[in-house]
C-alpha atoms as a PDB file:
ATOM      1  CA  MET A   1     -41.227  39.680  24.305  1.00  0.00           C
ATOM      2  CA  GLY A   2     -40.061  40.761  20.848  1.00  0.00           C
ATOM      3  CA  TRP A   3     -36.637  41.745  22.205  1.00  0.00           C
ATOM      4  CA  LYS A   4     -36.230  38.333  23.790  1.00  0.00           C
ATOM      5  CA  ILE A   5     -36.965  36.622  20.514  1.00  0.00           C
ATOM      6  CA  PHE A   6     -34.577  38.976  18.719  1.00  0.00           C
ATOM      7  CA  LEU A   7     -31.790  38.379  21.252  1.00  0.00           C
ATOM      8  CA  SER A   8     -32.337  34.630  21.084  1.00  0.00           C
ATOM      9  CA  PHE A   9     -32.077  34.787  17.301  1.00  0.00           C
ATOM     10  CA  VAL A  10     -28.860  36.845  17.500  1.00  0.00           C
ATOM     11  CA  PHE A  11     -27.416  34.406  20.032  1.00  0.00           C
ATOM     12  CA  PHE A  12     -28.324  31.530  17.739  1.00  0.00           C
ATOM     13  CA  LEU A  13     -26.561  33.215  14.813  1.00  0.00           C
ATOM     14  CA  ILE A  14     -23.469  33.842  16.935  1.00  0.00           C
ATOM     15  CA  VAL A  15     -23.344  30.169  17.957  1.00  0.00           C
ATOM     16  CA  ILE A  16     -23.733  29.068  14.339  1.00  0.00           C
ATOM     17  CA  PHE A  17     -21.013  31.504  13.290  1.00  0.00           C
ATOM     18  CA  LEU A  18     -18.625  30.235  15.968  1.00  0.00           C
ATOM     19  CA  LEU A  19     -19.256  26.623  15.029  1.00  0.00           C
ATOM     20  CA  VAL A  20     -18.659  27.314  11.333  1.00  0.00           C
ATOM     21  CA  PHE A  21     -15.548  29.353  12.187  1.00  0.00           C
ATOM     22  CA  TYR A  22     -14.229  26.556  14.378  1.00  0.00           C
ATOM     23  CA  TRP A  23     -14.959  24.010  11.677  1.00  0.00           C
ATOM     24  CA  LEU A  24     -13.178  25.982   8.971  1.00  0.00           C
ATOM     25  CA  PHE A  25     -10.429  27.448  11.142  1.00  0.00           C
ATOM     26  CA  PRO A  26      -9.585  25.032  13.969  1.00  0.00           C
ATOM     27  CA  LEU A  27      -7.819  26.545  16.956  1.00  0.00           C
ATOM     28  CA  ASN A  28      -5.074  23.933  16.950  1.00  0.00           C
ATOM     29  CA  SER A  29      -3.662  21.241  14.698  1.00  0.00           C
ATOM     30  CA  PHE A  30      -1.550  18.322  15.922  1.00  0.00           C
ATOM     31  CA  GLU A  31       0.189  15.660  13.882  1.00  0.00           C
ATOM     32  CA  PHE A  32       0.619  12.144  15.254  1.00  0.00           C
ATOM     33  CA  GLY A  33       3.705  10.025  14.659  1.00  0.00           C
ATOM     34  CA  MET A  34       4.330   6.301  15.083  1.00  0.00           C
ATOM     35  CA  LYS A  35       4.987   5.421  18.716  1.00  0.00           C
ATOM     36  CA  ASN A  36       5.797   1.746  18.251  1.00  0.00           C
ATOM     37  CA  ARG A  37       4.918  -1.466  16.512  1.00  0.00           C
ATOM     38  CA  ASN A  38       4.386  -4.552  18.597  1.00  0.00           C
ATOM     39  CA  SER A  39       5.381  -7.084  15.942  1.00  0.00           C
ATOM     40  CA  ASN A  40       8.687  -8.896  16.294  1.00  0.00           C
ATOM     41  CA  PHE A  41       7.661 -11.657  13.875  1.00  0.00           C
ATOM     42  CA  SER A  42      10.275 -12.224  11.187  1.00  0.00           C
ATOM     43  CA  ILE A  43      11.189 -15.369   9.259  1.00  0.00           C
ATOM     44  CA  GLY A  44      14.236 -14.038   7.423  1.00  0.00           C
ATOM     45  CA  ALA A  45      15.439 -15.383   4.078  1.00  0.00           C
ATOM     46  CA  LEU A  46      14.891 -19.105   4.638  1.00  0.00           C
ATOM     47  CA  SER A  47      15.808 -20.147   1.106  1.00  0.00           C
ATOM     48  CA  GLY A  48      18.953 -18.034   0.791  1.00  0.00           C
ATOM     49  CA  ASP A  49      19.847 -17.705  -2.892  1.00  0.00           C
ATOM     50  CA  MET A  50      18.600 -21.155  -3.891  1.00  0.00           C
ATOM     51  CA  GLN A  51      15.248 -19.851  -5.150  1.00  0.00           C
ATOM     52  CA  PHE A  52      14.306 -17.296  -7.794  1.00  0.00           C
ATOM     53  CA  TYR A  53      12.877 -15.063  -5.030  1.00  0.00           C
ATOM     54  CA  SER A  54      13.096 -15.264  -1.262  1.00  0.00           C
ATOM     55  CA  ASN A  55      10.897 -17.810   0.546  1.00  0.00           C
ATOM     56  CA  MET A  56       8.959 -19.059  -2.453  1.00  0.00           C
ATOM     57  CA  ARG A  57       6.128 -21.435  -1.621  1.00  0.00           C
ATOM     58  CA  TYR A  58       2.581 -22.366  -2.508  1.00  0.00           C
ATOM     59  CA  PRO A  59      -0.108 -21.309  -0.011  1.00  0.00           C
ATOM     60  CA  ALA A  60      -0.412 -24.777   1.561  1.00  0.00           C
ATOM     61  CA  GLN A  61       1.595 -27.974   2.055  1.00  0.00           C
ATOM     62  CA  LYS A  62      -0.957 -29.792  -0.113  1.00  0.00           C
ATOM     63  CA  ILE A  63      -0.376 -28.828  -3.751  1.00  0.00           C
ATOM     64  CA  SER A  64      -2.665 -29.846  -6.601  1.00  0.00           C
ATOM     65  CA  TYR A  65      -1.561 -30.810 -10.113  1.00  0.00           C
ATOM     66  CA  LYS A  66      -2.959 -31.932 -13.451  1.00  0.00           C
ATOM     67  CA  ILE A  67      -1.193 -33.840 -16.231  1.00  0.00           C
ATOM     68  CA  TYR A  68      -2.289 -32.895 -19.751  1.00  0.00           C
ATOM     69  CA  GLY A  69      -2.054 -35.503 -22.519  1.00  0.00           C
ATOM     70  CA  CYS A  70       1.303 -37.046 -21.654  1.00  0.00           C
ATOM     71  CA  PRO A  71       2.317 -40.522 -22.878  1.00  0.00           C
ATOM     72  CA  LEU A  72       2.372 -43.298 -20.299  1.00  0.00           C
ATOM     73  CA  GLN A  73       6.132 -43.184 -19.671  1.00  0.00           C
ATOM     74  CA  LYS A  74       6.218 -39.445 -18.974  1.00  0.00           C
ATOM     75  CA  LYS A  75       2.984 -39.611 -16.949  1.00  0.00           C
ATOM     76  CA  ASP A  76       4.504 -42.352 -14.815  1.00  0.00           C
ATOM     77  CA  ASP A  77       7.710 -40.297 -14.388  1.00  0.00           C
ATOM     78  CA  VAL A  78       5.693 -37.300 -13.188  1.00  0.00           C
ATOM     79  CA  LYS A  79       3.689 -39.322 -10.663  1.00  0.00           C
ATOM     80  CA  ARG A  80       6.825 -41.005  -9.300  1.00  0.00           C
ATOM     81  CA  ALA A  81       8.543 -37.620  -9.080  1.00  0.00           C
ATOM     82  CA  PHE A  82       5.675 -36.162  -7.049  1.00  0.00           C
ATOM     83  CA  ASP A  83       5.711 -39.259  -4.807  1.00  0.00           C
ATOM     84  CA  THR A  84       9.468 -38.920  -4.295  1.00  0.00           C
ATOM     85  CA  LEU A  85       9.172 -35.316  -3.141  1.00  0.00           C
ATOM     86  CA  SER A  86       6.172 -36.174  -0.942  1.00  0.00           C
ATOM     87  CA  ASN A  87       8.192 -38.915   0.767  1.00  0.00           C
ATOM     88  CA  LYS A  88      11.237 -36.709   1.358  1.00  0.00           C
ATOM     89  CA  THR A  89       9.451 -33.521   2.498  1.00  0.00           C
ATOM     90  CA  ILE A  90       6.325 -32.361   4.314  1.00  0.00           C
ATOM     91  CA  LEU A  91       4.675 -31.604   0.964  1.00  0.00           C
ATOM     92  CA  TYR A  92       1.784 -33.616  -0.445  1.00  0.00           C
ATOM     93  CA  PHE A  93       0.873 -33.537  -4.142  1.00  0.00           C
ATOM     94  CA  TYR A  94      -2.529 -34.671  -5.381  1.00  0.00           C
ATOM     95  CA  PRO A  95      -4.192 -34.812  -8.832  1.00  0.00           C
ATOM     96  CA  ILE A  96      -7.207 -32.663  -9.612  1.00  0.00           C
ATOM     97  CA  TYR A  97      -9.487 -32.206 -12.636  1.00  0.00           C
ATOM     98  CA  ASN A  98      -9.340 -28.417 -12.930  1.00  0.00           C
ATOM     99  CA  ASP A  99      -8.014 -25.249 -11.311  1.00  0.00           C
ATOM    100  CA  GLU A 100      -4.754 -27.036 -10.528  1.00  0.00           C
ATOM    101  CA  GLU A 101      -1.766 -25.258  -9.031  1.00  0.00           C
ATOM    102  CA  ILE A 102       0.858 -27.084 -11.110  1.00  0.00           C
ATOM    103  CA  SER A 103       0.112 -27.843 -14.747  1.00  0.00           C
ATOM    104  CA  VAL A 104       2.163 -30.603 -16.422  1.00  0.00           C
ATOM    105  CA  ARG A 105       2.360 -30.867 -20.210  1.00  0.00           C
ATOM    106  CA  CYS A 106       4.512 -32.967 -22.517  1.00  0.00           C
ATOM    107  CA  ASP A 107       6.242 -32.331 -25.823  1.00  0.00           C
ATOM    108  CA  SER A 108       7.549 -35.166 -27.995  1.00  0.00           C
ATOM    109  CA  LYS A 109       9.643 -32.914 -30.247  1.00  0.00           C
ATOM    110  CA  THR A 110      13.393 -32.774 -29.734  1.00  0.00           C
ATOM    111  CA  ARG A 111      14.532 -29.287 -28.768  1.00  0.00           C
ATOM    112  CA  ILE A 112      18.091 -28.043 -28.999  1.00  0.00           C
ATOM    113  CA  GLU A 113      19.496 -24.764 -27.708  1.00  0.00           C
ATOM    114  CA  SER A 114      23.211 -23.883 -28.074  1.00  0.00           C
ATOM    115  CA  SER A 115      23.950 -27.472 -29.130  1.00  0.00           C
ATOM    116  CA  VAL A 116      22.366 -28.803 -25.917  1.00  0.00           C
ATOM    117  CA  PHE A 117      19.343 -31.122 -25.819  1.00  0.00           C
ATOM    118  CA  ILE A 118      16.570 -29.595 -23.702  1.00  0.00           C
ATOM    119  CA  ALA A 119      15.036 -32.226 -21.417  1.00  0.00           C
ATOM    120  CA  GLY A 120      12.285 -30.080 -19.903  1.00  0.00           C
ATOM    121  CA  GLU A 121      11.176 -26.698 -18.639  1.00  0.00           C
ATOM    122  CA  GLY A 122       9.438 -25.608 -15.462  1.00  0.00           C
ATOM    123  CA  GLY A 123       8.816 -22.696 -13.140  1.00  0.00           C
ATOM    124  CA  PRO A 124       6.266 -20.549 -11.313  1.00  0.00           C
ATOM    125  CA  THR A 125       3.906 -18.555 -13.525  1.00  0.00           C
ATOM    126  CA  ASN A 126       1.913 -16.538 -10.967  1.00  0.00           C
ATOM    127  CA  ILE A 127       3.613 -15.094  -7.884  1.00  0.00           C
ATOM    128  CA  THR A 128       2.525 -12.617  -5.207  1.00  0.00           C
ATOM    129  CA  LYS A 129       5.326 -11.083  -3.152  1.00  0.00           C
ATOM    130  CA  THR A 130       4.638 -10.156   0.469  1.00  0.00           C
ATOM    131  CA  ASP A 131       6.945  -9.080   3.294  1.00  0.00           C
ATOM    132  CA  LYS A 132       7.336 -12.689   4.431  1.00  0.00           C
ATOM    133  CA  PHE A 133       6.848 -14.907   1.401  1.00  0.00           C
ATOM    134  CA  SER A 134       6.824 -15.004  -2.362  1.00  0.00           C
ATOM    135  CA  VAL A 135       3.555 -16.883  -2.717  1.00  0.00           C
ATOM    136  CA  ILE A 136       3.284 -19.116  -5.792  1.00  0.00           C
ATOM    137  CA  HIS A 137      -0.259 -19.473  -7.086  1.00  0.00           C
ATOM    138  CA  ASN A 138       0.512 -21.412 -10.272  1.00  0.00           C
ATOM    139  CA  GLY A 139       3.421 -23.236 -11.862  1.00  0.00           C
ATOM    140  CA  GLU A 140       3.959 -25.016 -15.171  1.00  0.00           C
ATOM    141  CA  ILE A 141       6.074 -27.976 -16.240  1.00  0.00           C
ATOM    142  CA  LEU A 142       6.897 -29.035 -19.787  1.00  0.00           C
ATOM    143  CA  LEU A 143       8.516 -32.463 -20.154  1.00  0.00           C
ATOM    144  CA  ILE A 144      10.264 -32.905 -23.473  1.00  0.00           C
ATOM    145  CA  LYS A 145      12.665 -35.807 -23.002  1.00  0.00           C
ATOM    146  CA  GLU A 146      11.860 -39.107 -21.302  1.00  0.00           C
ATOM    147  CA  SER A 147      14.146 -39.999 -18.419  1.00  0.00           C
ATOM    148  CA  GLN A 148      16.609 -42.823 -19.120  1.00  0.00           C
ATOM    149  CA  CYS A 149      17.400 -43.162 -15.407  1.00  0.00           C
ATOM    150  CA  GLU A 150      15.984 -45.507 -12.809  1.00  0.00           C
ATOM    151  CA  ASN A 151      14.696 -42.446 -10.923  1.00  0.00           C
ATOM    152  CA  PRO A 152      12.582 -39.788 -12.706  1.00  0.00           C
ATOM    153  CA  ASN A 153      15.320 -37.160 -12.369  1.00  0.00           C
ATOM    154  CA  ILE A 154      14.106 -34.918 -15.188  1.00  0.00           C
ATOM    155  CA  ALA A 155      10.578 -34.691 -13.760  1.00  0.00           C
ATOM    156  CA  ILE A 156      11.923 -34.073 -10.233  1.00  0.00           C
ATOM    157  CA  HIS A 157      14.181 -31.323 -11.598  1.00  0.00           C
ATOM    158  CA  GLU A 158      11.269 -29.543 -13.302  1.00  0.00           C
ATOM    159  CA  ILE A 159       8.945 -29.903 -10.296  1.00  0.00           C
ATOM    160  CA  LEU A 160      11.600 -28.280  -8.106  1.00  0.00           C
ATOM    161  CA  HIS A 161      11.750 -25.438 -10.631  1.00  0.00           C
ATOM    162  CA  ALA A 162       7.959 -25.095 -10.275  1.00  0.00           C
ATOM    163  CA  LEU A 163       8.541 -24.915  -6.497  1.00  0.00           C
ATOM    164  CA  GLY A 164      10.790 -21.906  -7.090  1.00  0.00           C
ATOM    165  CA  PHE A 165      14.282 -23.468  -7.046  1.00  0.00           C
ATOM    166  CA  LYS A 166      17.053 -22.310  -9.355  1.00  0.00           C
ATOM    167  CA  HIS A 167      19.835 -24.328 -10.945  1.00  0.00           C
ATOM    168  CA  SER A 168      22.658 -25.543  -8.735  1.00  0.00           C
ATOM    169  CA  ASN A 169      26.388 -25.247  -9.443  1.00  0.00           C
ATOM    170  CA  ASN A 170      26.936 -28.698  -7.956  1.00  0.00           C
ATOM    171  CA  PRO A 171      27.146 -31.370 -10.726  1.00  0.00           C
ATOM    172  CA  ASP A 172      25.947 -34.012  -8.242  1.00  0.00           C
ATOM    173  CA  ASN A 173      22.785 -32.037  -7.390  1.00  0.00           C
ATOM    174  CA  ILE A 174      19.589 -32.849  -9.246  1.00  0.00           C
ATOM    175  CA  MET A 175      19.176 -29.108  -9.962  1.00  0.00           C
ATOM    176  CA  TYR A 176      22.391 -28.975 -12.004  1.00  0.00           C
ATOM    177  CA  ASN A 177      21.570 -27.793 -15.514  1.00  0.00           C
ATOM    178  CA  PHE A 178      22.855 -31.012 -17.134  1.00  0.00           C
ATOM    179  CA  SER A 179      20.976 -34.165 -16.166  1.00  0.00           C
ATOM    180  CA  ARG A 180      22.806 -37.272 -14.930  1.00  0.00           C
ATOM    181  CA  CYS A 181      21.348 -40.440 -13.421  1.00  0.00           C
ATOM    182  CA  SER A 182      23.632 -40.254 -10.366  1.00  0.00           C
ATOM    183  CA  GLN A 183      22.323 -36.841  -9.267  1.00  0.00           C
ATOM    184  CA  THR A 184      20.372 -36.583  -6.018  1.00  0.00           C
ATOM    185  CA  ILE A 185      18.180 -34.074  -4.174  1.00  0.00           C
ATOM    186  CA  GLY A 186      20.392 -32.144  -1.784  1.00  0.00           C
ATOM    187  CA  ASP A 187      19.638 -32.394   1.936  1.00  0.00           C
ATOM    188  CA  ASP A 188      19.815 -28.595   2.154  1.00  0.00           C
ATOM    189  CA  MET A 189      17.010 -28.306  -0.400  1.00  0.00           C
ATOM    190  CA  ILE A 190      14.822 -30.742   1.554  1.00  0.00           C
ATOM    191  CA  SER A 191      15.526 -28.765   4.735  1.00  0.00           C
ATOM    192  CA  ILE A 192      14.598 -25.474   3.044  1.00  0.00           C
ATOM    193  CA  ILE A 193      11.301 -26.885   1.756  1.00  0.00           C
ATOM    194  CA  ASN A 194      10.393 -28.175   5.201  1.00  0.00           C
ATOM    195  CA  LYS A 195      11.270 -24.841   6.841  1.00  0.00           C
ATOM    196  CA  ILE A 196       9.352 -22.690   4.372  1.00  0.00           C
ATOM    197  CA  TYR A 197       6.273 -24.911   4.504  1.00  0.00           C
ATOM    198  CA  SER A 198       6.358 -25.277   8.294  1.00  0.00           C
ATOM    199  CA  TYR A 199       4.339 -22.049   8.581  1.00  0.00           C
ATOM    200  CA  PRO A 200       0.569 -22.680   8.542  1.00  0.00           C
ATOM    201  CA  SER A 201      -1.644 -21.397   5.740  1.00  0.00           C
ATOM    202  CA  TYR A 202      -3.008 -18.433   7.674  1.00  0.00           C
ATOM    203  CA  ALA A 203      -3.818 -14.891   6.656  1.00  0.00           C
ATOM    204  CA  ASP A 204      -1.841 -12.017   8.206  1.00  0.00           C
ATOM    205  CA  ILE A 205      -3.416  -8.565   8.505  1.00  0.00           C
ATOM    206  CA  ASN A 206      -0.763  -5.865   8.782  1.00  0.00           C
ATOM    207  CA  LEU A 207      -1.491  -2.172   9.423  1.00  0.00           C
ATOM    208  CA  GLU A 208       0.937   0.138   7.644  1.00  0.00           C
ATOM    209  CA  ASP A 209       1.335   3.707   6.345  1.00  0.00           C
ATOM    210  CA  VAL A 210      -0.653   4.953   9.338  1.00  0.00           C
ATOM    211  CA  SER A 211      -0.847   8.719   9.854  1.00  0.00           C
ATOM    212  CA  ALA A 212      -3.175  11.047  11.754  1.00  0.00           C
ATOM    213  CA  VAL A 213      -3.804  14.768  12.166  1.00  0.00           C
ATOM    214  CA  MET A 214      -6.059  16.341  14.770  1.00  0.00           C
ATOM    215  CA  HIS A 215      -7.527  19.771  14.062  1.00  0.00           C
ATOM    216  CA  GLY A 216      -9.598  21.098  16.889  1.00  0.00           C
ATOM    217  CA  LEU A 217     -12.102  18.447  17.905  1.00  0.00           C
ATOM    218  CA  TYR A 218     -11.767  16.571  14.629  1.00  0.00           C
ATOM    219  CA  LEU A 219      -9.411  13.788  13.635  1.00  0.00           C
ATOM    220  CA  ASP A 220      -8.205  12.679  10.178  1.00  0.00           C
ATOM    221  CA  ILE A 221      -6.655   9.225   9.804  1.00  0.00           C
ATOM    222  CA  ASN A 222      -5.095   7.432   6.838  1.00  0.00           C
ATOM    223  CA  LEU A 223      -3.951   3.813   6.902  1.00  0.00           C
ATOM    224  CA  THR A 224      -3.483   0.710   4.779  1.00  0.00           C
ATOM    225  CA  ALA A 225      -4.568  -2.765   5.862  1.00  0.00           C
ATOM    226  CA  MET A 226      -2.497  -5.403   4.016  1.00  0.00           C
ATOM    227  CA  ASN A 227      -2.822  -9.172   3.954  1.00  0.00           C
ATOM    228  CA  GLU A 228       0.780 -10.427   4.134  1.00  0.00           C
ATOM    229  CA  GLY A 229      -0.212 -14.027   4.810  1.00  0.00           C
ATOM    230  CA  LEU A 230      -0.771 -17.309   2.997  1.00  0.00           C
ATOM    231  CA  ASN A 231      -4.563 -17.304   2.832  1.00  0.00           C
ATOM    232  CA  ASN A 232      -7.381 -14.868   2.155  1.00  0.00           C
ATOM    233  CA  SER A 233      -8.498 -13.046   5.274  1.00  0.00           C
ATOM    234  CA  GLY A 234     -11.981 -13.175   6.724  1.00  0.00           C
ATOM    235  CA  ASN A 235     -14.189 -10.308   7.843  1.00  0.00           C
ATOM    236  CA  ALA A 236     -12.581  -8.025  10.406  1.00  0.00           C
ATOM    237  CA  LYS A 237     -13.099  -4.675  12.104  1.00  0.00           C
ATOM    238  CA  ILE A 238     -10.925  -1.601  12.358  1.00  0.00           C
ATOM    239  CA  LYS A 239     -11.260   0.103  15.739  1.00  0.00           C
ATOM    240  CA  ILE A 240      -9.790   3.501  16.595  1.00  0.00           C
ATOM    241  CA  TYR A 241      -9.149   4.597  20.167  1.00  0.00           C
ATOM    242  CA  ALA A 242      -8.265   8.067  21.489  1.00  0.00           C
ATOM    243  CA  ASP A 243      -6.605   7.772  24.907  1.00  0.00           C
ATOM    244  CA  ASP A 244      -8.142   4.278  25.329  1.00  0.00           C
ATOM    245  CA  LYS A 245     -11.665   5.395  24.419  1.00  0.00           C
ATOM    246  CA  MET A 246     -13.068   3.968  21.178  1.00  0.00           C
ATOM    247  CA  ILE A 247     -14.124   6.747  18.812  1.00  0.00           C
ATOM    248  CA  LYS A 248     -14.656   4.883  15.545  1.00  0.00           C
ATOM    249  CA  GLU A 249     -15.374   1.365  14.298  1.00  0.00           C
ATOM    250  CA  LEU A 250     -15.696   0.186  10.721  1.00  0.00           C
ATOM    251  CA  ASP A 251     -15.925  -3.139   8.883  1.00  0.00           C
ATOM    252  CA  LEU A 252     -12.943  -4.548   6.989  1.00  0.00           C
ATOM    253  CA  THR A 253     -14.048  -6.887   4.205  1.00  0.00           C
ATOM    254  CA  PRO A 254     -11.960  -9.967   3.235  1.00  0.00           C
ATOM    255  CA  ILE A 255      -8.584  -9.257   1.620  1.00  0.00           C
ATOM    256  CA  GLY A 256      -6.767 -11.578  -0.799  1.00  0.00           C
ATOM    257  CA  ILE A 257      -3.146 -12.652  -0.438  1.00  0.00           C
ATOM    258  CA  GLY A 258      -0.860  -9.693  -1.103  1.00  0.00           C
ATOM    259  CA  TYR A 259      -3.743  -7.235  -1.469  1.00  0.00           C
ATOM    260  CA  GLY A 260      -4.732  -4.327   0.766  1.00  0.00           C
ATOM    261  CA  ARG A 261      -7.339  -1.709   1.597  1.00  0.00           C
ATOM    262  CA  VAL A 262      -6.510   1.998   1.755  1.00  0.00           C
ATOM    263  CA  ILE A 263      -8.672   3.636   4.416  1.00  0.00           C
ATOM    264  CA  SER A 264      -9.056   7.409   4.774  1.00  0.00           C
ATOM    265  CA  LEU A 265     -11.277   8.858   7.499  1.00  0.00           C
ATOM    266  CA  TYR A 266     -11.924  12.577   7.892  1.00  0.00           C
ATOM    267  CA  ASN A 267     -13.463  14.737  10.589  1.00  0.00           C
ATOM    268  CA  ILE A 268     -13.951  12.077  13.241  1.00  0.00           C
ATOM    269  CA  PHE A 269     -15.499  14.020  16.104  1.00  0.00           C
ATOM    270  CA  ILE A 270     -13.697  13.779  19.461  1.00  0.00           C
ATOM    271  CA  LYS A 271     -15.126  15.335  22.612  1.00  0.00           C
ATOM    272  CA  LYS A 272     -11.785  16.630  23.890  1.00  0.00           C
ATOM    273  CA  LEU A 273      -9.279  19.158  22.627  1.00  0.00           C
ATOM    274  CA  SER A 274      -6.203  17.252  23.767  1.00  0.00           C
ATOM    275  CA  VAL A 275      -5.422  13.652  22.804  1.00  0.00           C
ATOM    276  CA  ASP A 276      -2.041  12.200  23.718  1.00  0.00           C
ATOM    277  CA  GLU A 277      -2.251   8.779  22.107  1.00  0.00           C
ATOM    278  CA  LEU A 278      -4.155   7.041  19.345  1.00  0.00           C
ATOM    279  CA  LYS A 279      -4.508   3.288  18.949  1.00  0.00           C
ATOM    280  CA  ILE A 280      -5.645   1.638  15.722  1.00  0.00           C
ATOM    281  CA  VAL A 281      -6.538  -2.049  15.945  1.00  0.00           C
ATOM    282  CA  ALA A 282      -7.529  -4.598  13.314  1.00  0.00           C
ATOM    283  CA  GLU A 283      -9.764  -6.950  15.286  1.00  0.00           C
ATOM    284  CA  THR A 284      -9.994 -10.426  13.712  1.00  0.00           C
ATOM    285  CA  ASP A 285     -11.555 -13.737  14.740  1.00  0.00           C
ATOM    286  CA  PHE A 286      -9.589 -15.922  12.285  1.00  0.00           C
ATOM    287  CA  SER A 287      -6.141 -17.468  12.634  1.00  0.00           C
ATOM    288  CA  GLU A 288      -3.179 -15.331  11.569  1.00  0.00           C
ATOM    289  CA  LEU A 289       0.556 -15.817  11.183  1.00  0.00           C
ATOM    290  CA  ASP A 290       1.077 -12.844  13.478  1.00  0.00           C
ATOM    291  CA  LYS A 291      -1.591 -10.944  15.408  1.00  0.00           C
ATOM    292  CA  THR A 292       0.825  -8.506  17.040  1.00  0.00           C
ATOM    293  CA  ASN A 293       1.031  -6.437  13.835  1.00  0.00           C
ATOM    294  CA  ASN A 294      -2.737  -5.793  14.043  1.00  0.00           C
ATOM    295  CA  GLU A 295      -2.159  -2.824  16.345  1.00  0.00           C
ATOM    296  CA  VAL A 296      -0.448   0.530  15.868  1.00  0.00           C
ATOM    297  CA  LEU A 297       0.107   3.229  18.492  1.00  0.00           C
ATOM    298  CA  LEU A 298       0.459   6.889  17.531  1.00  0.00           C
ATOM    299  CA  GLN A 299       1.376   9.818  19.744  1.00  0.00           C
ATOM    300  CA  ILE A 300       1.488  13.567  19.216  1.00  0.00           C
ATOM    301  CA  GLN A 301       4.834  14.610  17.781  1.00  0.00           C
ATOM    302  CA  LYS A 302       6.531  16.624  20.495  1.00  0.00           C
ATOM    303  CA  ASN A 303       7.968  19.275  18.256  1.00  0.00           C
ATOM    304  CA  LYS A 304       4.520  19.974  16.800  1.00  0.00           C
ATOM    305  CA  LYS A 305       2.921  20.206  20.220  1.00  0.00           C
ATOM    306  CA  GLU A 306       5.651  22.517  21.546  1.00  0.00           C
ATOM    307  CA  LYS A 307       5.234  24.868  18.553  1.00  0.00           C
ATOM    308  CA  GLU A 308       1.533  25.151  19.199  1.00  0.00           C
ATOM    309  CA  ALA A 309       2.215  25.852  22.886  1.00  0.00           C
END
């Protein structure tokens, strides 16, 4: 009876030793490389070189503004300028009491630079660049000179700056750097605005920098989940599959525009020594610009597998 207990104890120690040995010194180690990406979604450079950065836009077609302490003439010019752009494009501008996207201020002092009277200033002040868009969160406009034209050309010029547009080399274009009453908004600019803002204000979860290494029965995975869209994401889940069998699931909390989560997982236990393909999926129940980039497939790198063989 004593020998049986002793042998059982020895066997137990051997098993523990083998498990620890296997844990510390796995019998094999395979690296996984990217097999493919399903996403073919690309919008290209819609704005060409007409904007400060490519595809600059606010998150939504409806853009809020607030006018701070402007005299009646300049306030009226600003409102008419917003109405003009609303009528010519798919954009809609509306006043708000606080947390506005475009802030409008006025200055009654004459400003001169290089012997030129400065009529106004404007531009984006807070931008997040993603793979698809340069998302404008805030813009500012400073009106210095009152418009002497029938149309509020100066205010329109500065609002277009706040929408991300640069100066034009065309003297007849309202974005020319010297203001004239005969200048108009170019049809190409209206077309660009309508194209850029035709995309809905959705989030867009994108899995990138995905890598994996399998050592024995254990898997290490590193990945980054980015929000490349036009809205904050909702709650989601990251699911990991080994040869179509789910081996790990974890929650992905909301991600802001242009932000991401770096996820590192170590020693995920898999009940098989050989895995040919891994699939990582970001499962969401909210609208996205592109859901095909929520999935990444990895396969064992052939050269690594052949070396082990």
